[in-house]
């Protein structure tokens, strides 16, 4: 689902299959068209697709936690915007993933880097269920605050008590609800037009964020990036 989201949003071709298929991290560079180059303040966008954190296939390995921390730090460190897939129905796994991500954000904060993050809730049955979505956002913020405190204690950074101490975060603008890609069960099911519309809205928001990032960073060339 994560790879499908990036493919739909940016017209790239990351490998897709049912279940978790990405291993490691894959990067594609896409040229920014002339009509939005000034708006974005860059010539290229680099899209990074990674394997999911807390992968069941890797969980049995002794160094799986270290592997996840390294992967999260790599991706957050390279990115202006990080998209985090949210599955609120699996609370325990979600907390573990959030703690790993918060660790990475704290490390970036310590070196003066200020990445943005967008939380994407996929396969949402009713994207207009405002009450439920509001409860989900409230629960997510509670978990983020809890994981921030835990991660800060592990990093000996007691000044970070809540998630917004580490990164700019507005529950109303940093959460996106995207319906399922299919109406019914593939391969015969038609594509859900609502999926494309929701992904387009997310992409539009991200281009706005990138445009604002150019005002705050001087690292706009490939040498600075590397």
N, C-alpha and C. Protein backbone atom coordinates (compact mmCIF):
# COMPACT_ATOMS: atom_id res chain seq x y z
N UNK A 1 0.83 -1.21 0.00
CA UNK A 1 0.00 0.00 0.00
C UNK A 1 0.87 1.26 0.00
N UNK A 2 1.96 1.20 0.74
CA UNK A 2 2.86 2.36 0.80
C UNK A 2 3.48 2.63 -0.56
N UNK A 3 3.94 1.56 -1.22
CA UNK A 3 4.55 1.72 -2.54
C UNK A 3 3.50 2.18 -3.56
N UNK A 4 2.29 1.64 -3.46
CA UNK A 4 1.21 2.05 -4.36
C UNK A 4 0.91 3.53 -4.20
N UNK A 5 0.92 3.99 -2.96
CA UNK A 5 0.67 5.41 -2.68
C UNK A 5 1.72 6.28 -3.37
N UNK A 6 2.98 5.93 -3.23
CA UNK A 6 4.06 6.72 -3.84
C UNK A 6 3.98 6.65 -5.36
N UNK A 7 3.68 5.47 -5.89
CA UNK A 7 3.55 5.32 -7.34
C UNK A 7 2.44 6.20 -7.89
N UNK A 8 1.31 6.21 -7.19
CA UNK A 8 0.17 7.02 -7.63
C UNK A 8 0.47 8.50 -7.52
N UNK A 9 1.14 8.87 -6.45
CA UNK A 9 1.38 10.28 -6.18
C UNK A 9 2.41 10.90 -7.12
N UNK A 10 3.45 10.13 -7.44
CA UNK A 10 4.57 10.71 -8.18
C UNK A 10 4.82 10.07 -9.54
N UNK A 11 4.03 9.08 -9.91
CA UNK A 11 4.23 8.45 -11.21
C UNK A 11 5.49 7.63 -11.29
N UNK A 12 5.97 7.14 -10.14
CA UNK A 12 7.16 6.29 -10.13
C UNK A 12 6.73 4.82 -10.21
N UNK A 13 7.69 3.92 -10.16
CA UNK A 13 7.36 2.50 -10.35
C UNK A 13 8.08 1.63 -9.32
N UNK A 14 7.78 1.88 -8.06
CA UNK A 14 8.30 0.99 -7.03
C UNK A 14 7.55 -0.35 -7.11
N UNK A 15 8.25 -1.42 -6.77
CA UNK A 15 7.64 -2.76 -6.84
C UNK A 15 6.45 -2.85 -5.89
N UNK A 16 5.40 -3.50 -6.36
CA UNK A 16 4.17 -3.63 -5.58
C UNK A 16 3.69 -5.07 -5.64
N UNK A 17 3.26 -5.60 -4.49
CA UNK A 17 2.57 -6.90 -4.46
C UNK A 17 1.71 -6.91 -3.21
N UNK A 18 0.94 -7.95 -3.02
CA UNK A 18 0.12 -8.03 -1.82
C UNK A 18 1.02 -8.26 -0.61
N UNK A 19 0.64 -7.68 0.52
CA UNK A 19 1.45 -7.81 1.73
C UNK A 19 2.65 -6.89 1.69
N UNK A 20 3.62 -7.16 2.56
CA UNK A 20 4.83 -6.33 2.62
C UNK A 20 5.85 -6.90 1.65
N UNK A 21 6.25 -6.09 0.66
CA UNK A 21 7.16 -6.63 -0.34
C UNK A 21 8.48 -5.87 -0.40
N UNK A 22 8.51 -4.63 0.05
CA UNK A 22 9.73 -3.83 -0.05
C UNK A 22 10.77 -4.34 0.95
N UNK A 23 12.00 -4.46 0.49
CA UNK A 23 13.11 -4.84 1.36
C UNK A 23 14.17 -3.76 1.26
N UNK A 24 14.59 -3.22 2.40
CA UNK A 24 15.59 -2.17 2.37
C UNK A 24 14.96 -0.84 1.97
N UNK A 25 15.73 -0.02 1.27
CA UNK A 25 15.25 1.29 0.83
C UNK A 25 15.55 1.47 -0.65
N UNK A 26 14.58 2.00 -1.38
CA UNK A 26 14.73 2.24 -2.81
C UNK A 26 14.48 3.71 -3.09
N UNK A 27 15.26 4.26 -3.99
CA UNK A 27 15.20 5.68 -4.26
C UNK A 27 15.00 5.93 -5.75
N UNK A 28 14.12 6.87 -6.08
CA UNK A 28 13.96 7.30 -7.46
C UNK A 28 13.98 8.82 -7.51
N UNK A 29 14.67 9.34 -8.51
CA UNK A 29 14.75 10.79 -8.69
C UNK A 29 13.85 11.19 -9.85
N UNK A 30 13.00 12.18 -9.63
CA UNK A 30 12.12 12.63 -10.71
C UNK A 30 12.36 14.12 -10.97
N UNK A 31 12.35 14.47 -12.24
CA UNK A 31 12.58 15.86 -12.63
C UNK A 31 11.32 16.69 -12.37
N UNK A 32 11.52 17.86 -11.82
CA UNK A 32 10.41 18.78 -11.58
C UNK A 32 10.13 19.55 -12.87
N UNK A 33 8.88 19.61 -13.28
CA UNK A 33 8.54 20.31 -14.52
C UNK A 33 8.73 21.81 -14.36
N UNK A 34 8.96 22.47 -15.49
CA UNK A 34 9.29 23.89 -15.47
C UNK A 34 8.20 24.73 -14.80
N UNK A 35 6.94 24.33 -14.97
CA UNK A 35 5.85 25.18 -14.48
C UNK A 35 5.77 25.24 -12.96
N UNK A 36 6.37 24.27 -12.25
CA UNK A 36 6.33 24.34 -10.78
C UNK A 36 7.72 24.40 -10.15
N UNK A 37 8.75 24.54 -11.01
CA UNK A 37 10.12 24.55 -10.49
C UNK A 37 10.35 25.71 -9.53
N UNK A 38 9.87 26.88 -9.89
CA UNK A 38 10.05 28.04 -9.01
C UNK A 38 9.25 27.88 -7.72
N UNK A 39 8.06 27.31 -7.85
CA UNK A 39 7.21 27.11 -6.67
C UNK A 39 7.88 26.17 -5.66
N UNK A 40 8.50 25.10 -6.16
CA UNK A 40 9.12 24.12 -5.27
C UNK A 40 10.55 24.51 -4.89
N UNK A 41 11.20 25.30 -5.73
CA UNK A 41 12.56 25.71 -5.42
C UNK A 41 13.59 24.62 -5.63
N UNK A 42 13.30 23.68 -6.54
CA UNK A 42 14.26 22.60 -6.80
C UNK A 42 14.06 22.07 -8.22
N UNK A 43 15.08 21.37 -8.72
CA UNK A 43 15.02 20.80 -10.06
C UNK A 43 14.56 19.35 -10.05
N UNK A 44 14.80 18.68 -8.93
CA UNK A 44 14.45 17.26 -8.82
C UNK A 44 13.83 16.98 -7.45
N UNK A 45 13.00 15.95 -7.41
CA UNK A 45 12.53 15.39 -6.15
C UNK A 45 13.09 13.98 -6.03
N UNK A 46 13.54 13.63 -4.84
CA UNK A 46 14.00 12.26 -4.58
C UNK A 46 12.94 11.57 -3.73
N UNK A 47 12.42 10.47 -4.25
CA UNK A 47 11.38 9.70 -3.56
C UNK A 47 12.02 8.44 -3.01
N UNK A 48 11.85 8.20 -1.71
CA UNK A 48 12.44 7.02 -1.07
C UNK A 48 11.33 6.12 -0.56
N UNK A 49 11.37 4.87 -0.97
CA UNK A 49 10.42 3.86 -0.49
C UNK A 49 11.19 2.87 0.36
N UNK A 50 10.68 2.56 1.53
CA UNK A 50 11.39 1.65 2.43
C UNK A 50 10.50 0.47 2.82
N UNK A 51 11.14 -0.55 3.32
CA UNK A 51 10.38 -1.64 3.92
C UNK A 51 9.68 -1.12 5.18
N UNK A 52 8.60 -1.76 5.55
CA UNK A 52 7.88 -1.34 6.75
C UNK A 52 8.68 -1.66 8.01
N UNK A 53 8.57 -0.78 8.99
CA UNK A 53 9.21 -1.06 10.28
C UNK A 53 8.45 -2.17 11.00
N UNK A 54 9.12 -2.86 11.88
CA UNK A 54 8.53 -3.98 12.65
C UNK A 54 8.00 -5.06 11.71
N UNK A 55 8.75 -5.32 10.66
CA UNK A 55 8.34 -6.35 9.71
C UNK A 55 8.33 -7.72 10.38
N UNK A 56 7.24 -8.49 10.23
CA UNK A 56 7.18 -9.83 10.85
C UNK A 56 8.31 -10.74 10.38
N UNK A 57 8.73 -10.56 9.12
CA UNK A 57 9.78 -11.41 8.57
C UNK A 57 11.13 -11.17 9.25
N UNK A 58 11.34 -9.93 9.73
CA UNK A 58 12.62 -9.60 10.35
C UNK A 58 12.58 -9.65 11.87
N UNK A 59 11.38 -9.74 12.43
CA UNK A 59 11.22 -9.65 13.88
C UNK A 59 11.99 -10.74 14.61
N UNK A 60 12.15 -11.89 13.97
CA UNK A 60 12.83 -13.01 14.64
C UNK A 60 14.35 -12.85 14.66
N UNK A 61 14.87 -11.88 13.92
CA UNK A 61 16.31 -11.67 13.90
C UNK A 61 16.74 -10.89 15.14
N UNK A 62 17.93 -11.18 15.64
CA UNK A 62 18.41 -10.57 16.89
C UNK A 62 18.57 -9.06 16.76
N UNK A 63 18.96 -8.59 15.58
CA UNK A 63 19.25 -7.16 15.43
C UNK A 63 18.12 -6.40 14.73
N UNK A 64 16.90 -6.95 14.77
CA UNK A 64 15.80 -6.33 14.02
C UNK A 64 15.49 -4.92 14.55
N UNK A 65 15.56 -4.73 15.88
CA UNK A 65 15.25 -3.41 16.44
C UNK A 65 16.30 -2.39 16.00
N UNK A 66 17.56 -2.81 16.03
CA UNK A 66 18.64 -1.92 15.59
C UNK A 66 18.49 -1.60 14.10
N UNK A 67 18.12 -2.61 13.33
CA UNK A 67 17.91 -2.43 11.89
C UNK A 67 16.81 -1.39 11.64
N UNK A 68 15.70 -1.49 12.36
CA UNK A 68 14.59 -0.55 12.19
C UNK A 68 15.02 0.87 12.57
N UNK A 69 15.76 0.99 13.66
CA UNK A 69 16.24 2.32 14.07
C UNK A 69 17.16 2.94 13.03
N UNK A 70 18.03 2.13 12.48
CA UNK A 70 18.96 2.64 11.46
C UNK A 70 18.19 3.07 10.20
N UNK A 71 17.21 2.25 9.82
CA UNK A 71 16.43 2.56 8.62
C UNK A 71 15.64 3.86 8.80
N UNK A 72 14.99 4.00 9.96
CA UNK A 72 14.20 5.20 10.23
C UNK A 72 15.09 6.44 10.26
N UNK A 73 16.26 6.32 10.88
CA UNK A 73 17.17 7.47 10.96
C UNK A 73 17.68 7.85 9.57
N UNK A 74 17.99 6.86 8.75
CA UNK A 74 18.45 7.12 7.39
C UNK A 74 17.39 7.88 6.59
N UNK A 75 16.17 7.39 6.63
CA UNK A 75 15.11 7.97 5.80
C UNK A 75 14.72 9.36 6.30
N UNK A 76 14.53 9.50 7.60
CA UNK A 76 14.17 10.81 8.16
C UNK A 76 15.30 11.81 7.93
N UNK A 77 16.54 11.34 8.05
CA UNK A 77 17.68 12.22 7.86
C UNK A 77 17.80 12.74 6.44
N UNK A 78 17.41 11.93 5.47
CA UNK A 78 17.52 12.33 4.06
C UNK A 78 16.31 13.13 3.58
N UNK A 79 15.23 13.10 4.33
CA UNK A 79 13.96 13.61 3.81
C UNK A 79 13.58 14.98 4.37
N UNK A 80 12.95 15.77 3.51
CA UNK A 80 12.29 16.99 3.98
C UNK A 80 10.91 16.65 4.55
N UNK A 81 10.26 15.66 3.95
CA UNK A 81 8.94 15.22 4.43
C UNK A 81 8.96 13.70 4.55
N UNK A 82 8.49 13.21 5.68
CA UNK A 82 8.36 11.77 5.89
C UNK A 82 6.88 11.40 5.96
N UNK A 83 6.48 10.43 5.14
CA UNK A 83 5.11 9.92 5.18
C UNK A 83 5.11 8.67 6.06
N UNK A 84 4.25 8.67 7.07
CA UNK A 84 4.18 7.54 7.99
C UNK A 84 2.81 6.87 7.84
N UNK A 85 2.83 5.60 7.46
CA UNK A 85 1.60 4.83 7.33
C UNK A 85 1.07 4.48 8.71
N UNK A 86 -0.19 4.74 8.95
CA UNK A 86 -0.77 4.52 10.27
C UNK A 86 -1.84 3.42 10.20
N UNK A 87 -1.75 2.47 11.11
CA UNK A 87 -2.78 1.44 11.24
C UNK A 87 -3.21 1.42 12.70
N UNK A 88 -4.21 2.22 13.02
CA UNK A 88 -4.60 2.38 14.42
C UNK A 88 -5.18 1.11 15.02
N UNK A 89 -5.59 0.16 14.16
CA UNK A 89 -6.21 -1.05 14.71
C UNK A 89 -5.19 -1.96 15.39
N UNK A 90 -3.91 -1.79 15.06
CA UNK A 90 -2.87 -2.60 15.69
C UNK A 90 -2.07 -1.70 16.63
N UNK A 91 -2.61 -1.48 17.81
CA UNK A 91 -2.08 -0.46 18.71
C UNK A 91 -0.67 -0.76 19.19
N UNK A 92 -0.39 -2.02 19.53
CA UNK A 92 0.92 -2.37 20.10
C UNK A 92 2.02 -2.18 19.06
N UNK A 93 1.80 -2.72 17.86
CA UNK A 93 2.79 -2.56 16.80
C UNK A 93 2.96 -1.09 16.44
N UNK A 94 1.84 -0.35 16.45
CA UNK A 94 1.89 1.07 16.09
C UNK A 94 2.74 1.85 17.07
N UNK A 95 2.60 1.54 18.35
CA UNK A 95 3.41 2.22 19.37
C UNK A 95 4.90 1.97 19.15
N UNK A 96 5.24 0.73 18.85
CA UNK A 96 6.64 0.39 18.60
C UNK A 96 7.19 1.18 17.41
N UNK A 97 6.39 1.25 16.35
CA UNK A 97 6.82 1.98 15.16
C UNK A 97 6.97 3.47 15.46
N UNK A 98 6.00 4.02 16.18
CA UNK A 98 6.05 5.45 16.51
C UNK A 98 7.27 5.78 17.35
N UNK A 99 7.62 4.89 18.28
CA UNK A 99 8.78 5.16 19.12
C UNK A 99 10.06 5.18 18.28
N UNK A 100 10.17 4.26 17.33
CA UNK A 100 11.33 4.23 16.45
C UNK A 100 11.42 5.53 15.64
N UNK A 101 10.28 5.97 15.11
CA UNK A 101 10.25 7.18 14.29
C UNK A 101 10.58 8.41 15.15
N UNK A 102 10.04 8.46 16.36
CA UNK A 102 10.30 9.60 17.24
C UNK A 102 11.79 9.67 17.59
N UNK A 103 12.41 8.52 17.82
CA UNK A 103 13.87 8.48 18.05
C UNK A 103 14.59 9.21 16.91
N UNK A 104 14.19 8.89 15.68
CA UNK A 104 14.84 9.49 14.51
C UNK A 104 14.60 11.00 14.47
N UNK A 105 13.38 11.43 14.78
CA UNK A 105 13.09 12.86 14.78
C UNK A 105 13.89 13.60 15.86
N UNK A 106 14.06 12.96 17.01
CA UNK A 106 14.85 13.58 18.08
C UNK A 106 16.30 13.77 17.62
N UNK A 107 16.84 12.76 16.95
CA UNK A 107 18.22 12.88 16.46
C UNK A 107 18.35 14.02 15.45
N UNK A 108 17.34 14.18 14.61
CA UNK A 108 17.37 15.27 13.63
C UNK A 108 17.27 16.63 14.33
N UNK A 109 16.43 16.69 15.34
CA UNK A 109 16.28 17.93 16.12
C UNK A 109 17.61 18.32 16.74
N UNK A 110 18.36 17.33 17.21
CA UNK A 110 19.63 17.60 17.88
C UNK A 110 20.68 18.18 16.94
N UNK A 111 20.58 17.87 15.65
CA UNK A 111 21.57 18.40 14.71
C UNK A 111 21.01 19.59 13.92
N UNK A 112 19.85 20.07 14.34
CA UNK A 112 19.30 21.28 13.73
C UNK A 112 18.49 21.06 12.48
N UNK A 113 18.20 19.81 12.14
CA UNK A 113 17.37 19.52 10.95
C UNK A 113 15.91 19.46 11.37
N UNK A 114 15.04 20.03 10.55
CA UNK A 114 13.62 20.10 10.91
C UNK A 114 12.75 19.47 9.82
N UNK A 115 12.73 18.16 9.75
CA UNK A 115 11.87 17.51 8.76
C UNK A 115 10.40 17.64 9.13
N UNK A 116 9.55 17.49 8.15
CA UNK A 116 8.11 17.48 8.37
C UNK A 116 7.61 16.05 8.29
N UNK A 117 6.45 15.80 8.86
CA UNK A 117 5.87 14.47 8.72
C UNK A 117 4.38 14.56 8.44
N UNK A 118 3.91 13.60 7.68
CA UNK A 118 2.49 13.48 7.36
C UNK A 118 2.07 12.06 7.69
N UNK A 119 1.00 11.93 8.45
CA UNK A 119 0.49 10.61 8.83
C UNK A 119 -0.65 10.24 7.88
N UNK A 120 -0.51 9.08 7.26
CA UNK A 120 -1.50 8.63 6.27
C UNK A 120 -2.23 7.41 6.80
N UNK A 121 -3.54 7.53 6.90
CA UNK A 121 -4.41 6.43 7.32
C UNK A 121 -5.02 5.85 6.05
N UNK A 122 -4.58 4.65 5.66
CA UNK A 122 -5.04 4.07 4.40
C UNK A 122 -6.17 3.07 4.63
N UNK A 123 -6.88 2.79 3.53
CA UNK A 123 -8.01 1.85 3.55
C UNK A 123 -9.08 2.25 4.55
N UNK A 124 -9.31 3.55 4.66
CA UNK A 124 -10.33 4.06 5.58
C UNK A 124 -11.70 3.84 4.95
N UNK A 125 -12.57 3.15 5.67
CA UNK A 125 -13.89 2.81 5.12
C UNK A 125 -14.73 4.05 4.86
N UNK A 126 -14.66 5.02 5.76
CA UNK A 126 -15.45 6.24 5.60
C UNK A 126 -14.56 7.43 5.95
N UNK A 127 -14.01 8.06 4.90
CA UNK A 127 -13.09 9.17 5.14
C UNK A 127 -13.80 10.39 5.73
N UNK A 128 -15.13 10.39 5.66
CA UNK A 128 -15.90 11.52 6.18
C UNK A 128 -16.44 11.27 7.59
N UNK A 129 -16.02 10.17 8.20
CA UNK A 129 -16.48 9.85 9.57
C UNK A 129 -15.70 10.73 10.56
N UNK A 130 -16.13 11.98 10.66
CA UNK A 130 -15.34 12.98 11.39
C UNK A 130 -15.13 12.61 12.85
N UNK A 131 -16.18 12.10 13.50
CA UNK A 131 -16.05 11.79 14.93
C UNK A 131 -15.01 10.70 15.16
N UNK A 132 -15.09 9.64 14.35
CA UNK A 132 -14.12 8.54 14.50
C UNK A 132 -12.71 9.02 14.16
N UNK A 133 -12.61 9.78 13.08
CA UNK A 133 -11.29 10.26 12.68
C UNK A 133 -10.71 11.21 13.73
N UNK A 134 -11.57 11.99 14.35
CA UNK A 134 -11.11 12.89 15.41
C UNK A 134 -10.60 12.09 16.60
N UNK A 135 -11.32 11.02 16.94
CA UNK A 135 -10.87 10.15 18.04
C UNK A 135 -9.53 9.51 17.70
N UNK A 136 -9.39 9.09 16.44
CA UNK A 136 -8.12 8.49 16.00
C UNK A 136 -6.98 9.48 16.12
N UNK A 137 -7.23 10.72 15.72
CA UNK A 137 -6.19 11.75 15.80
C UNK A 137 -5.80 12.02 17.25
N UNK A 138 -6.80 12.06 18.11
CA UNK A 138 -6.53 12.29 19.53
C UNK A 138 -5.71 11.14 20.12
N UNK A 139 -6.11 9.91 19.77
CA UNK A 139 -5.37 8.74 20.26
C UNK A 139 -3.95 8.73 19.72
N UNK A 140 -3.80 9.07 18.44
CA UNK A 140 -2.47 9.11 17.83
C UNK A 140 -1.58 10.13 18.55
N UNK A 141 -2.13 11.30 18.84
CA UNK A 141 -1.33 12.32 19.53
C UNK A 141 -0.94 11.86 20.93
N UNK A 142 -1.87 11.19 21.61
CA UNK A 142 -1.54 10.64 22.93
C UNK A 142 -0.39 9.64 22.83
N UNK A 143 -0.45 8.78 21.82
CA UNK A 143 0.61 7.79 21.64
C UNK A 143 1.93 8.46 21.25
N UNK A 144 1.85 9.48 20.41
CA UNK A 144 3.06 10.20 20.01
C UNK A 144 3.71 10.87 21.22
N UNK A 145 2.89 11.46 22.08
CA UNK A 145 3.44 12.09 23.28
C UNK A 145 4.07 11.06 24.22
N UNK A 146 3.38 9.93 24.35
CA UNK A 146 3.89 8.86 25.21
C UNK A 146 5.22 8.32 24.67
N UNK A 147 5.27 8.11 23.36
CA UNK A 147 6.49 7.58 22.75
C UNK A 147 7.62 8.61 22.74
N UNK A 148 7.26 9.88 22.65
CA UNK A 148 8.27 10.93 22.72
C UNK A 148 8.96 10.93 24.07
N UNK A 149 8.15 10.81 25.12
CA UNK A 149 8.72 10.80 26.47
C UNK A 149 9.62 9.58 26.66
N UNK A 150 9.16 8.43 26.16
CA UNK A 150 9.95 7.20 26.29
C UNK A 150 11.26 7.31 25.50
N UNK A 151 11.16 7.80 24.27
CA UNK A 151 12.35 7.93 23.43
C UNK A 151 13.32 8.96 24.01
N UNK A 152 12.77 10.06 24.52
CA UNK A 152 13.62 11.11 25.10
C UNK A 152 14.37 10.59 26.32
N UNK A 153 13.71 9.78 27.12
CA UNK A 153 14.39 9.19 28.29
C UNK A 153 15.55 8.30 27.86
N UNK A 154 15.32 7.52 26.80
CA UNK A 154 16.37 6.63 26.30
C UNK A 154 17.54 7.42 25.72
N UNK A 155 17.23 8.59 25.16
CA UNK A 155 18.28 9.43 24.56
C UNK A 155 18.86 10.43 25.58
N UNK A 156 18.35 10.35 26.83
CA UNK A 156 18.76 11.30 27.88
C UNK A 156 18.50 12.75 27.48
N UNK A 157 17.33 12.97 26.90
CA UNK A 157 16.91 14.31 26.49
C UNK A 157 15.60 14.64 27.19
N UNK A 158 15.71 14.99 28.46
CA UNK A 158 14.51 15.18 29.28
C UNK A 158 13.70 16.40 28.89
N UNK A 159 14.27 17.27 28.04
CA UNK A 159 13.53 18.48 27.67
C UNK A 159 12.38 18.19 26.70
N UNK A 160 12.37 16.99 26.11
CA UNK A 160 11.30 16.64 25.18
C UNK A 160 10.21 15.86 25.92
N UNK A 161 9.12 16.53 26.18
CA UNK A 161 8.02 15.92 26.94
C UNK A 161 6.87 15.49 26.04
N UNK A 162 6.71 16.17 24.92
CA UNK A 162 5.61 15.84 24.01
C UNK A 162 6.10 15.95 22.58
N UNK A 163 5.32 15.38 21.67
CA UNK A 163 5.75 15.27 20.28
C UNK A 163 6.04 16.63 19.66
N UNK A 164 5.23 17.63 20.00
CA UNK A 164 5.42 18.95 19.41
C UNK A 164 6.66 19.66 19.94
N UNK A 165 7.30 19.10 20.97
CA UNK A 165 8.60 19.62 21.39
C UNK A 165 9.69 19.24 20.39
N UNK A 166 9.41 18.20 19.62
CA UNK A 166 10.42 17.65 18.71
C UNK A 166 10.20 18.12 17.28
N UNK A 167 8.95 18.22 16.87
CA UNK A 167 8.64 18.50 15.47
C UNK A 167 7.33 19.28 15.38
N UNK A 168 7.21 20.10 14.35
CA UNK A 168 5.94 20.80 14.12
C UNK A 168 4.87 19.78 13.76
N UNK A 169 3.76 19.82 14.50
CA UNK A 169 2.71 18.85 14.23
C UNK A 169 1.36 19.43 14.60
N UNK A 170 0.47 19.44 13.63
CA UNK A 170 -0.91 19.86 13.84
C UNK A 170 -1.81 18.69 13.46
N UNK A 171 -2.51 18.11 14.42
CA UNK A 171 -3.35 16.94 14.12
C UNK A 171 -4.35 17.17 12.99
N UNK A 172 -4.77 18.42 12.81
CA UNK A 172 -5.78 18.70 11.79
C UNK A 172 -5.20 18.71 10.38
N UNK A 173 -3.95 19.08 10.24
CA UNK A 173 -3.37 19.24 8.90
C UNK A 173 -2.32 18.18 8.57
N UNK A 174 -1.93 17.38 9.54
CA UNK A 174 -0.86 16.40 9.31
C UNK A 174 -1.39 14.97 9.25
N UNK A 175 -2.71 14.80 9.19
CA UNK A 175 -3.32 13.47 9.08
C UNK A 175 -4.18 13.41 7.82
N UNK A 176 -4.01 12.33 7.08
CA UNK A 176 -4.73 12.16 5.82
C UNK A 176 -5.43 10.82 5.80
N UNK A 177 -6.68 10.83 5.36
CA UNK A 177 -7.50 9.62 5.35
C UNK A 177 -7.77 9.23 3.90
N UNK A 178 -7.28 8.05 3.53
CA UNK A 178 -7.34 7.62 2.14
C UNK A 178 -8.12 6.31 2.05
N UNK A 179 -9.16 6.28 1.22
CA UNK A 179 -9.95 5.05 1.09
C UNK A 179 -9.16 3.97 0.37
N UNK A 180 -9.72 2.76 0.33
CA UNK A 180 -9.06 1.67 -0.37
C UNK A 180 -8.95 1.94 -1.87
N UNK A 181 -7.96 1.32 -2.49
CA UNK A 181 -7.74 1.52 -3.93
C UNK A 181 -8.85 0.89 -4.76
N UNK A 182 -9.42 -0.21 -4.28
CA UNK A 182 -10.38 -0.97 -5.08
C UNK A 182 -11.78 -0.89 -4.50
N UNK A 183 -12.76 -0.93 -5.40
CA UNK A 183 -14.16 -1.14 -5.00
C UNK A 183 -14.40 -2.65 -5.05
N UNK A 184 -14.26 -3.33 -3.93
CA UNK A 184 -14.40 -4.78 -3.94
C UNK A 184 -13.04 -5.46 -3.96
N UNK A 185 -13.03 -6.72 -4.40
CA UNK A 185 -11.80 -7.52 -4.38
C UNK A 185 -11.17 -7.59 -5.77
N UNK A 186 -9.89 -7.19 -5.89
CA UNK A 186 -9.21 -7.30 -7.18
C UNK A 186 -9.02 -8.77 -7.55
N UNK A 187 -8.77 -9.14 -8.82
CA UNK A 187 -8.40 -8.21 -9.89
C UNK A 187 -9.58 -7.64 -10.69
N UNK A 188 -10.79 -8.14 -10.47
CA UNK A 188 -11.92 -7.70 -11.29
C UNK A 188 -12.58 -6.43 -10.75
N UNK A 189 -12.23 -6.02 -9.55
CA UNK A 189 -12.87 -4.85 -8.95
C UNK A 189 -12.43 -3.56 -9.65
N UNK A 190 -13.34 -2.60 -9.78
CA UNK A 190 -12.95 -1.31 -10.38
C UNK A 190 -12.12 -0.48 -9.39
N UNK A 191 -11.34 0.42 -9.94
CA UNK A 191 -10.54 1.32 -9.11
C UNK A 191 -11.46 2.35 -8.45
N UNK A 192 -11.18 2.65 -7.21
CA UNK A 192 -11.95 3.63 -6.45
C UNK A 192 -11.45 5.04 -6.79
N UNK A 193 -12.31 5.83 -7.42
CA UNK A 193 -11.92 7.20 -7.79
C UNK A 193 -11.57 8.03 -6.57
N UNK A 194 -12.20 7.72 -5.43
CA UNK A 194 -11.91 8.46 -4.21
C UNK A 194 -10.47 8.31 -3.76
N UNK A 195 -9.85 7.18 -4.11
CA UNK A 195 -8.44 6.96 -3.77
C UNK A 195 -7.57 8.00 -4.47
N UNK A 196 -7.77 8.14 -5.77
CA UNK A 196 -6.96 9.09 -6.55
C UNK A 196 -7.18 10.52 -6.07
N UNK A 197 -8.43 10.84 -5.75
CA UNK A 197 -8.73 12.20 -5.29
C UNK A 197 -8.03 12.50 -3.96
N UNK A 198 -8.07 11.53 -3.05
CA UNK A 198 -7.44 11.72 -1.74
C UNK A 198 -5.92 11.82 -1.87
N UNK A 199 -5.35 10.99 -2.75
CA UNK A 199 -3.90 11.03 -2.97
C UNK A 199 -3.49 12.35 -3.61
N UNK A 200 -4.32 12.85 -4.52
CA UNK A 200 -4.02 14.14 -5.15
C UNK A 200 -4.00 15.26 -4.09
N UNK A 201 -4.98 15.23 -3.18
CA UNK A 201 -5.02 16.25 -2.12
C UNK A 201 -3.77 16.19 -1.25
N UNK A 202 -3.35 14.96 -0.94
CA UNK A 202 -2.12 14.79 -0.14
C UNK A 202 -0.91 15.33 -0.90
N UNK A 203 -0.83 15.01 -2.19
CA UNK A 203 0.29 15.48 -3.00
C UNK A 203 0.31 17.01 -3.06
N UNK A 204 -0.85 17.61 -3.25
CA UNK A 204 -0.93 19.08 -3.32
C UNK A 204 -0.43 19.69 -2.01
N UNK A 205 -0.83 19.10 -0.90
CA UNK A 205 -0.38 19.60 0.40
C UNK A 205 1.14 19.46 0.54
N UNK A 206 1.67 18.35 0.07
CA UNK A 206 3.11 18.12 0.19
C UNK A 206 3.92 19.08 -0.68
N UNK A 207 3.41 19.40 -1.86
CA UNK A 207 4.11 20.38 -2.69
C UNK A 207 4.11 21.75 -2.03
N UNK A 208 3.02 22.07 -1.34
CA UNK A 208 2.98 23.34 -0.59
C UNK A 208 4.04 23.34 0.51
N UNK A 209 4.18 22.21 1.20
CA UNK A 209 5.18 22.11 2.27
C UNK A 209 6.59 22.23 1.70
N UNK A 210 6.83 21.56 0.57
CA UNK A 210 8.16 21.62 -0.06
C UNK A 210 8.48 23.06 -0.46
N UNK A 211 7.48 23.75 -0.99
CA UNK A 211 7.68 25.15 -1.37
C UNK A 211 8.06 26.01 -0.19
N UNK A 212 7.48 25.73 0.97
CA UNK A 212 7.82 26.49 2.18
C UNK A 212 9.19 26.08 2.71
N UNK A 213 9.56 24.81 2.50
CA UNK A 213 10.87 24.34 2.97
C UNK A 213 12.01 25.08 2.29
N UNK A 214 11.81 25.48 1.03
CA UNK A 214 12.90 26.12 0.28
C UNK A 214 13.29 27.44 0.93
N UNK A 215 12.36 28.04 1.67
CA UNK A 215 12.65 29.31 2.33
C UNK A 215 13.51 29.12 3.57
N UNK A 216 13.58 27.87 4.07
CA UNK A 216 14.26 27.61 5.34
C UNK A 216 15.54 26.81 5.19
N UNK A 217 15.84 26.38 3.98
CA UNK A 217 17.03 25.54 3.82
C UNK A 217 17.88 26.04 2.67
N UNK A 218 19.19 25.88 2.82
CA UNK A 218 20.10 26.24 1.74
C UNK A 218 20.61 25.00 1.02
N UNK A 219 20.24 23.82 1.53
CA UNK A 219 20.74 22.56 0.95
C UNK A 219 19.89 22.15 -0.24
N UNK A 220 19.98 22.93 -1.32
CA UNK A 220 19.14 22.66 -2.48
C UNK A 220 19.91 22.02 -3.62
N UNK A 221 21.17 21.66 -3.40
CA UNK A 221 21.90 21.00 -4.48
C UNK A 221 22.30 19.59 -4.06
N UNK A 222 22.68 18.80 -5.04
CA UNK A 222 22.91 17.37 -4.79
C UNK A 222 24.11 17.14 -3.87
N UNK A 223 25.09 18.04 -3.90
CA UNK A 223 26.27 17.89 -3.03
C UNK A 223 25.86 18.04 -1.57
N UNK A 224 25.03 19.05 -1.28
CA UNK A 224 24.56 19.23 0.10
C UNK A 224 23.70 18.05 0.53
N UNK A 225 22.89 17.55 -0.40
CA UNK A 225 22.02 16.42 -0.09
C UNK A 225 22.85 15.21 0.32
N UNK A 226 23.92 14.94 -0.43
CA UNK A 226 24.75 13.77 -0.15
C UNK A 226 25.66 14.02 1.05
